[in-house]
Amino acid sequence: MLITAGAGVSLLTACTLPTSNTEPGPGAAEAAAICPSPSPAADIPDIPSGFKADELGVVTAVSKQPDFTSVVISTRASFRDAVIRMHKLVDEAGFTVLSAEDDGIDVEVFVKTPHGQGIISMAEAPCGQVMTNAELPEPPK
């Protein structure tokens, strides 16, 4: 069974920064209020073992479902650097990449884990962040 990504889940953040220094806009304090630092999730132990999501960025949400776990990660690394790091984490976790689609503004990587197939999607988000949503299968019960 192939898990499909809830693409909108990882891109729910809505914030803006001024587009030019000549336009009136928020200063540093106001920008920090508009684009706050991501808050870490409390349920990090629920992340499937082997996938070191916290090495990619701040784990902001973990949602356990009957057959899979969804993990949302926020990082301020450049998009290219985040994609490279994600591929390294996939390799370190022992996952097999089944296919990948990278169109330069978002990436979807379909993986095979010891427990089934999953997907890891990444996209640039407002506030200079890269949001990652990993949907990984749970071990059979």
C-alpha atoms as a PDB file:
ATOM      1  CA  MET A   1       0.000   0.000   0.000  1.00  0.00           C
ATOM      2  CA  LEU A   2       1.447   3.348  -1.023  1.00  0.00           C
ATOM      3  CA  ILE A   3       0.903   6.194   1.372  1.00  0.00           C
ATOM      4  CA  THR A   4       0.013   9.518  -0.189  1.00  0.00           C
ATOM      5  CA  ALA A   5       1.254  12.774   1.249  1.00  0.00           C
ATOM      6  CA  GLY A   6      -1.018  15.381   2.708  1.00  0.00           C
ATOM      7  CA  ALA A   7       0.864  18.137   0.892  1.00  0.00           C
ATOM      8  CA  GLY A   8      -1.097  20.912   2.509  1.00  0.00           C
ATOM      9  CA  VAL A   9      -0.242  19.692   6.021  1.00  0.00           C
ATOM     10  CA  SER A  10       3.357  20.787   5.819  1.00  0.00           C
ATOM     11  CA  LEU A  11       2.599  24.161   4.261  1.00  0.00           C
ATOM     12  CA  LEU A  12       0.045  25.581   6.675  1.00  0.00           C
ATOM     13  CA  THR A  13       2.332  28.364   7.821  1.00  0.00           C
ATOM     14  CA  ALA A  14       1.283  31.747   6.494  1.00  0.00           C
ATOM     15  CA  CYS A  15       3.670  34.587   7.030  1.00  0.00           C
ATOM     16  CA  THR A  16       5.298  37.300   4.985  1.00  0.00           C
ATOM     17  CA  LEU A  17       8.387  39.417   5.073  1.00  0.00           C
ATOM     18  CA  PRO A  18       8.844  42.823   3.501  1.00  0.00           C
ATOM     19  CA  THR A  19       9.817  42.638  -0.156  1.00  0.00           C
ATOM     20  CA  SER A  20      12.035  45.699  -0.226  1.00  0.00           C
ATOM     21  CA  ASN A  21      14.005  47.831   2.175  1.00  0.00           C
ATOM     22  CA  THR A  22      12.417  50.928   0.649  1.00  0.00           C
ATOM     23  CA  GLU A  23       8.878  49.888   1.539  1.00  0.00           C
ATOM     24  CA  PRO A  24       7.598  50.373   5.057  1.00  0.00           C
ATOM     25  CA  GLY A  25       7.405  47.060   6.808  1.00  0.00           C
ATOM     26  CA  PRO A  26       8.188  45.232   9.981  1.00  0.00           C
ATOM     27  CA  GLY A  27      11.525  45.651  11.678  1.00  0.00           C
ATOM     28  CA  ALA A  28      13.405  42.730  13.206  1.00  0.00           C
ATOM     29  CA  ALA A  29      11.082  42.437  16.221  1.00  0.00           C
ATOM     30  CA  GLU A  30       7.963  42.578  14.070  1.00  0.00           C
ATOM     31  CA  ALA A  31       9.419  40.079  11.562  1.00  0.00           C
ATOM     32  CA  ALA A  32      10.154  37.679  14.436  1.00  0.00           C
ATOM     33  CA  ALA A  33       6.513  37.970  15.525  1.00  0.00           C
ATOM     34  CA  ILE A  34       5.262  37.346  11.980  1.00  0.00           C
ATOM     35  CA  CYS A  35       7.729  34.503  11.354  1.00  0.00           C
ATOM     36  CA  PRO A  36       8.235  32.876  14.755  1.00  0.00           C
ATOM     37  CA  SER A  37      10.740  30.108  15.287  1.00  0.00           C
ATOM     38  CA  PRO A  38       9.082  26.705  14.884  1.00  0.00           C
ATOM     39  CA  SER A  39       7.914  25.074  18.100  1.00  0.00           C
ATOM     40  CA  PRO A  40       9.153  21.534  18.706  1.00  0.00           C
ATOM     41  CA  ALA A  41       6.569  18.756  18.909  1.00  0.00           C
ATOM     42  CA  ALA A  42       6.076  17.027  22.242  1.00  0.00           C
ATOM     43  CA  ASP A  43       5.583  13.541  20.788  1.00  0.00           C
ATOM     44  CA  ILE A  44       8.976  13.050  19.133  1.00  0.00           C
ATOM     45  CA  PRO A  45       9.357   9.474  20.490  1.00  0.00           C
ATOM     46  CA  ASP A  46       6.578   8.464  18.065  1.00  0.00           C
ATOM     47  CA  ILE A  47       8.881   8.997  15.054  1.00  0.00           C
ATOM     48  CA  PRO A  48       9.601   5.648  13.365  1.00  0.00           C
ATOM     49  CA  SER A  49      12.939   4.304  14.553  1.00  0.00           C
ATOM     50  CA  GLY A  50      15.903   4.813  12.264  1.00  0.00           C
ATOM     51  CA  PHE A  51      14.639   8.069  10.723  1.00  0.00           C
ATOM     52  CA  LYS A  52      16.510  10.844  12.557  1.00  0.00           C
ATOM     53  CA  ALA A  53      14.117  13.647  11.632  1.00  0.00           C
ATOM     54  CA  ASP A  54      15.562  16.014  14.236  1.00  0.00           C
ATOM     55  CA  GLU A  55      18.858  16.021  12.309  1.00  0.00           C
ATOM     56  CA  LEU A  56      17.035  17.686   9.400  1.00  0.00           C
ATOM     57  CA  GLY A  57      15.433  20.459  11.453  1.00  0.00           C
ATOM     58  CA  VAL A  58      12.841  21.121  14.134  1.00  0.00           C
ATOM     59  CA  VAL A  59      10.183  18.406  14.340  1.00  0.00           C
ATOM     60  CA  THR A  60       7.009  20.477  14.655  1.00  0.00           C
ATOM     61  CA  ALA A  61       4.346  17.763  14.527  1.00  0.00           C
ATOM     62  CA  VAL A  62       4.079  13.999  14.796  1.00  0.00           C
ATOM     63  CA  SER A  63       0.782  12.315  14.056  1.00  0.00           C
ATOM     64  CA  LYS A  64       0.390   8.574  14.566  1.00  0.00           C
ATOM     65  CA  GLN A  65      -2.238   6.821  12.458  1.00  0.00           C
ATOM     66  CA  PRO A  66      -3.085   3.102  12.515  1.00  0.00           C
ATOM     67  CA  ASP A  67      -0.789   2.260   9.566  1.00  0.00           C
ATOM     68  CA  PHE A  68       1.646   5.175   9.362  1.00  0.00           C
ATOM     69  CA  THR A  69       3.198   8.102  11.198  1.00  0.00           C
ATOM     70  CA  SER A  70       3.312  11.594   9.724  1.00  0.00           C
ATOM     71  CA  VAL A  71       6.240  13.796  10.748  1.00  0.00           C
ATOM     72  CA  VAL A  72       6.471  17.520   9.912  1.00  0.00           C
ATOM     73  CA  ILE A  73       9.924  19.112  10.028  1.00  0.00           C
ATOM     74  CA  SER A  74      10.898  22.766   9.604  1.00  0.00           C
ATOM     75  CA  THR A  75      14.387  23.948   8.729  1.00  0.00           C
ATOM     76  CA  ARG A  76      15.943  27.247   7.749  1.00  0.00           C
ATOM     77  CA  ALA A  77      18.595  25.519   5.623  1.00  0.00           C
ATOM     78  CA  SER A  78      18.567  26.324   1.944  1.00  0.00           C
ATOM     79  CA  PHE A  79      16.223  24.171  -0.107  1.00  0.00           C
ATOM     80  CA  ARG A  80      19.146  22.403  -1.868  1.00  0.00           C
ATOM     81  CA  ASP A  81      20.956  21.746   1.439  1.00  0.00           C
ATOM     82  CA  ALA A  82      17.754  20.407   3.022  1.00  0.00           C
ATOM     83  CA  VAL A  83      17.174  18.037   0.090  1.00  0.00           C
ATOM     84  CA  ILE A  84      20.759  16.749   0.258  1.00  0.00           C
ATOM     85  CA  ARG A  85      20.456  16.205   4.027  1.00  0.00           C
ATOM     86  CA  MET A  86      17.105  14.430   3.627  1.00  0.00           C
ATOM     87  CA  HIS A  87      18.619  11.991   1.105  1.00  0.00           C
ATOM     88  CA  LYS A  88      21.459  11.292   3.553  1.00  0.00           C
ATOM     89  CA  LEU A  89      18.964  10.606   6.370  1.00  0.00           C
ATOM     90  CA  VAL A  90      17.010   8.256   4.084  1.00  0.00           C
ATOM     91  CA  ASP A  91      20.225   6.325   3.365  1.00  0.00           C
ATOM     92  CA  GLU A  92      21.233   6.258   7.045  1.00  0.00           C
ATOM     93  CA  ALA A  93      17.793   4.916   7.979  1.00  0.00           C
ATOM     94  CA  GLY A  94      18.291   2.029   5.543  1.00  0.00           C
ATOM     95  CA  PHE A  95      15.382   3.071   3.307  1.00  0.00           C
ATOM     96  CA  THR A  96      15.415   2.317  -0.414  1.00  0.00           C
ATOM     97  CA  VAL A  97      14.464   5.151  -2.761  1.00  0.00           C
ATOM     98  CA  LEU A  98      11.826   3.778  -5.136  1.00  0.00           C
ATOM     99  CA  SER A  99      11.413   6.997  -7.110  1.00  0.00           C
ATOM    100  CA  ALA A 100      11.914  10.710  -6.707  1.00  0.00           C
ATOM    101  CA  GLU A 101      10.545  13.808  -8.346  1.00  0.00           C
ATOM    102  CA  ASP A 102      12.412  17.082  -7.963  1.00  0.00           C
ATOM    103  CA  ASP A 103      11.069  20.015  -9.940  1.00  0.00           C
ATOM    104  CA  GLY A 104      13.252  22.593  -8.202  1.00  0.00           C
ATOM    105  CA  ILE A 105      10.561  24.055  -5.951  1.00  0.00           C
ATOM    106  CA  ASP A 106       9.397  20.879  -4.261  1.00  0.00           C
ATOM    107  CA  VAL A 107      10.550  17.289  -3.951  1.00  0.00           C
ATOM    108  CA  GLU A 108       8.738  14.000  -3.423  1.00  0.00           C
ATOM    109  CA  VAL A 109      10.742  10.896  -2.566  1.00  0.00           C
ATOM    110  CA  PHE A 110       8.981   7.540  -2.422  1.00  0.00           C
ATOM    111  CA  VAL A 111      10.799   5.132  -0.127  1.00  0.00           C
ATOM    112  CA  LYS A 112      10.648   1.501   0.901  1.00  0.00           C
ATOM    113  CA  THR A 113      11.219   0.949   4.607  1.00  0.00           C
ATOM    114  CA  PRO A 114      11.421  -2.351   6.484  1.00  0.00           C
ATOM    115  CA  HIS A 115       7.661  -1.971   7.142  1.00  0.00           C
ATOM    116  CA  GLY A 116       6.340  -0.835   3.752  1.00  0.00           C
ATOM    117  CA  GLN A 117       6.332   2.166   1.464  1.00  0.00           C
ATOM    118  CA  GLY A 118       6.271   5.821   2.446  1.00  0.00           C
ATOM    119  CA  ILE A 119       6.774   9.283   1.049  1.00  0.00           C
ATOM    120  CA  ILE A 120       8.865  12.263   2.048  1.00  0.00           C
ATOM    121  CA  SER A 121       7.887  15.579   0.513  1.00  0.00           C
ATOM    122  CA  MET A 122       9.683  18.898   0.823  1.00  0.00           C
ATOM    123  CA  ALA A 123       8.790  22.417  -0.261  1.00  0.00           C
ATOM    124  CA  GLU A 124       9.948  25.949   0.310  1.00  0.00           C
ATOM    125  CA  ALA A 125       7.656  27.737   2.716  1.00  0.00           C
ATOM    126  CA  PRO A 126       7.212  31.354   3.766  1.00  0.00           C
ATOM    127  CA  CYS A 127       9.696  32.903   6.164  1.00  0.00           C
ATOM    128  CA  GLY A 128      12.740  31.257   4.576  1.00  0.00           C
ATOM    129  CA  GLN A 129      11.828  27.796   5.801  1.00  0.00           C
ATOM    130  CA  VAL A 130      11.832  24.420   4.105  1.00  0.00           C
ATOM    131  CA  MET A 131       8.966  22.234   5.285  1.00  0.00           C
ATOM    132  CA  THR A 132       9.247  18.458   5.141  1.00  0.00           C
ATOM    133  CA  ASN A 133       6.385  16.007   5.578  1.00  0.00           C
ATOM    134  CA  ALA A 134       7.430  12.376   6.007  1.00  0.00           C
ATOM    135  CA  GLU A 135       4.697   9.736   5.996  1.00  0.00           C
ATOM    136  CA  LEU A 136       6.269   6.471   7.055  1.00  0.00           C
ATOM    137  CA  PRO A 137       4.639   3.074   7.637  1.00  0.00           C
ATOM    138  CA  GLU A 138       4.278   1.614  11.086  1.00  0.00           C
ATOM    139  CA  PRO A 139       5.553  -1.881  11.909  1.00  0.00           C
ATOM    140  CA  PRO A 140       2.872  -4.570  11.768  1.00  0.00           C
ATOM    141  CA  LYS A 141       1.176  -5.256  15.093  1.00  0.00           C
END
